[in-house]
Amino acid sequence: MNIFEKSYTVSAIIFTALLFSSLIFFPQLRPLQRLVPICLLGMIVNVGLMFIVLRDIFSRQFDDPNRKYLWIALVLLFWPSILYYLPRYGFRPRAK
């Protein structure tokens, strides 16, 4: 990942945590007229995050070829797996 992708992924994770916590602690954000635009913004940010992470998985060489498919499935089915993938593989340089 380059510097832009790293900074985007970190800011998207921080944004998601802030969005989730603000919806829990501020009930005035829960009515539908406020909830829809907030969640739409969250969806747009997380689609960008998913694109960057999936592109990194597809372009990375793993020791076991099945590990690539495992990571694709984990990232698509269980979003918090990104929190483990990024420090473990994503922020490290790819092998040429």
C-alpha atoms as a PDB file:
ATOM      1  CA  MET A   1       0.000   0.000   0.000  1.00  0.00           C
ATOM      2  CA  ASN A   2       1.164   3.502  -0.672  1.00  0.00           C
ATOM      3  CA  ILE A   3       0.914   6.428   1.758  1.00  0.00           C
ATOM      4  CA  PHE A   4      -2.512   7.548   0.487  1.00  0.00           C
ATOM      5  CA  GLU A   5      -3.995   4.063   0.847  1.00  0.00           C
ATOM      6  CA  LYS A   6      -2.572   3.647   4.332  1.00  0.00           C
ATOM      7  CA  SER A   7      -3.883   7.008   5.477  1.00  0.00           C
ATOM      8  CA  TYR A   8      -7.290   6.341   3.894  1.00  0.00           C
ATOM      9  CA  THR A   9      -7.634   2.958   5.598  1.00  0.00           C
ATOM     10  CA  VAL A  10      -6.684   4.343   9.003  1.00  0.00           C
ATOM     11  CA  SER A  11      -9.027   7.328   8.650  1.00  0.00           C
ATOM     12  CA  ALA A  12     -11.860   5.079   7.411  1.00  0.00           C
ATOM     13  CA  ILE A  13     -11.478   2.824  10.451  1.00  0.00           C
ATOM     14  CA  ILE A  14     -11.443   5.839  12.767  1.00  0.00           C
ATOM     15  CA  PHE A  15     -14.490   7.259  10.959  1.00  0.00           C
ATOM     16  CA  THR A  16     -16.347   3.960  11.356  1.00  0.00           C
ATOM     17  CA  ALA A  17     -15.556   3.789  15.064  1.00  0.00           C
ATOM     18  CA  LEU A  18     -16.705   7.391  15.547  1.00  0.00           C
ATOM     19  CA  LEU A  19     -19.862   6.766  13.531  1.00  0.00           C
ATOM     20  CA  PHE A  20     -20.730   3.663  15.523  1.00  0.00           C
ATOM     21  CA  SER A  21     -20.050   5.306  18.877  1.00  0.00           C
ATOM     22  CA  SER A  22     -21.935   8.485  17.962  1.00  0.00           C
ATOM     23  CA  LEU A  23     -25.000   6.455  17.006  1.00  0.00           C
ATOM     24  CA  ILE A  24     -24.830   4.696  20.367  1.00  0.00           C
ATOM     25  CA  PHE A  25     -24.248   7.747  22.581  1.00  0.00           C
ATOM     26  CA  PHE A  26     -26.293  10.395  20.748  1.00  0.00           C
ATOM     27  CA  PRO A  27     -29.927   9.337  20.345  1.00  0.00           C
ATOM     28  CA  GLN A  28     -30.739  12.526  18.417  1.00  0.00           C
ATOM     29  CA  LEU A  29     -28.851  11.016  15.435  1.00  0.00           C
ATOM     30  CA  ARG A  30     -31.181   7.999  15.254  1.00  0.00           C
ATOM     31  CA  PRO A  31     -34.265   9.511  13.547  1.00  0.00           C
ATOM     32  CA  LEU A  32     -34.550   8.447   9.933  1.00  0.00           C
ATOM     33  CA  GLN A  33     -33.973  11.912   8.396  1.00  0.00           C
ATOM     34  CA  ARG A  34     -30.546  12.099  10.081  1.00  0.00           C
ATOM     35  CA  LEU A  35     -29.698   8.405  10.066  1.00  0.00           C
ATOM     36  CA  VAL A  36     -29.936   7.906   6.298  1.00  0.00           C
ATOM     37  CA  PRO A  37     -27.369  10.570   5.271  1.00  0.00           C
ATOM     38  CA  ILE A  38     -24.982   9.589   8.067  1.00  0.00           C
ATOM     39  CA  CYS A  39     -25.122   5.909   7.156  1.00  0.00           C
ATOM     40  CA  LEU A  40     -24.844   6.701   3.435  1.00  0.00           C
ATOM     41  CA  LEU A  41     -21.629   8.595   4.139  1.00  0.00           C
ATOM     42  CA  GLY A  42     -20.405   5.659   6.216  1.00  0.00           C
ATOM     43  CA  MET A  43     -21.214   3.265   3.388  1.00  0.00           C
ATOM     44  CA  ILE A  44     -19.300   5.373   0.851  1.00  0.00           C
ATOM     45  CA  VAL A  45     -16.239   5.538   3.101  1.00  0.00           C
ATOM     46  CA  ASN A  46     -16.332   1.784   3.759  1.00  0.00           C
ATOM     47  CA  VAL A  47     -16.767   0.892   0.077  1.00  0.00           C
ATOM     48  CA  GLY A  48     -13.510   2.758  -0.554  1.00  0.00           C
ATOM     49  CA  LEU A  49     -11.903   0.870   2.324  1.00  0.00           C
ATOM     50  CA  MET A  50     -13.099  -2.476   0.984  1.00  0.00           C
ATOM     51  CA  PHE A  51     -11.809  -1.605  -2.502  1.00  0.00           C
ATOM     52  CA  ILE A  52      -8.343  -0.775  -1.183  1.00  0.00           C
ATOM     53  CA  VAL A  53      -8.137  -3.864   1.023  1.00  0.00           C
ATOM     54  CA  LEU A  54      -9.447  -6.263  -1.630  1.00  0.00           C
ATOM     55  CA  ARG A  55      -7.092  -4.803  -4.243  1.00  0.00           C
ATOM     56  CA  ASP A  56      -4.220  -5.337  -1.823  1.00  0.00           C
ATOM     57  CA  ILE A  57      -5.265  -8.951  -1.217  1.00  0.00           C
ATOM     58  CA  PHE A  58      -5.500  -9.666  -4.956  1.00  0.00           C
ATOM     59  CA  SER A  59      -2.101  -8.134  -5.685  1.00  0.00           C
ATOM     60  CA  ARG A  60      -0.281  -9.765  -2.756  1.00  0.00           C
ATOM     61  CA  GLN A  61       1.535 -13.107  -2.958  1.00  0.00           C
ATOM     62  CA  PHE A  62       0.861 -15.404   0.000  1.00  0.00           C
ATOM     63  CA  ASP A  63       2.855 -18.493   0.981  1.00  0.00           C
ATOM     64  CA  ASP A  64      -0.240 -20.659   0.674  1.00  0.00           C
ATOM     65  CA  PRO A  65      -2.390 -19.909  -2.427  1.00  0.00           C
ATOM     66  CA  ASN A  66      -5.544 -20.792  -0.498  1.00  0.00           C
ATOM     67  CA  ARG A  67      -4.788 -18.076   2.049  1.00  0.00           C
ATOM     68  CA  LYS A  68      -5.669 -15.413  -0.527  1.00  0.00           C
ATOM     69  CA  TYR A  69      -9.165 -16.876  -0.910  1.00  0.00           C
ATOM     70  CA  LEU A  70      -9.504 -17.184   2.847  1.00  0.00           C
ATOM     71  CA  TRP A  71      -8.717 -13.497   3.297  1.00  0.00           C
ATOM     72  CA  ILE A  72     -11.127 -12.505   0.534  1.00  0.00           C
ATOM     73  CA  ALA A  73     -13.899 -14.475   2.220  1.00  0.00           C
ATOM     74  CA  LEU A  74     -13.074 -13.121   5.663  1.00  0.00           C
ATOM     75  CA  VAL A  75     -12.984  -9.507   4.511  1.00  0.00           C
ATOM     76  CA  LEU A  76     -16.240  -9.817   2.566  1.00  0.00           C
ATOM     77  CA  LEU A  77     -18.158 -11.718   5.243  1.00  0.00           C
ATOM     78  CA  PHE A  78     -16.678 -10.364   8.469  1.00  0.00           C
ATOM     79  CA  TRP A  79     -15.668  -6.685   8.317  1.00  0.00           C
ATOM     80  CA  PRO A  80     -13.578  -6.608  11.546  1.00  0.00           C
ATOM     81  CA  SER A  81     -11.130  -9.045   9.953  1.00  0.00           C
ATOM     82  CA  ILE A  82      -9.737  -5.947   8.194  1.00  0.00           C
ATOM     83  CA  LEU A  83      -8.484  -4.818  11.597  1.00  0.00           C
ATOM     84  CA  TYR A  84      -6.304  -7.933  11.741  1.00  0.00           C
ATOM     85  CA  TYR A  85      -5.346  -8.036   8.049  1.00  0.00           C
ATOM     86  CA  LEU A  86      -3.999  -4.480   7.810  1.00  0.00           C
ATOM     87  CA  PRO A  87      -1.248  -4.668  10.453  1.00  0.00           C
ATOM     88  CA  ARG A  88      -0.462  -8.290   9.613  1.00  0.00           C
ATOM     89  CA  TYR A  89      -0.163  -7.920   5.803  1.00  0.00           C
ATOM     90  CA  GLY A  90      -1.631  -4.680   4.445  1.00  0.00           C
ATOM     91  CA  PHE A  91       0.833  -2.170   5.839  1.00  0.00           C
ATOM     92  CA  ARG A  92       3.847  -4.289   4.906  1.00  0.00           C
ATOM     93  CA  PRO A  93       5.520  -4.146   1.491  1.00  0.00           C
ATOM     94  CA  ARG A  94       4.505  -6.729  -1.098  1.00  0.00           C
ATOM     95  CA  ALA A  95       7.021  -9.252  -2.370  1.00  0.00           C
ATOM     96  CA  LYS A  96       7.879  -8.650  -6.016  1.00  0.00           C
END
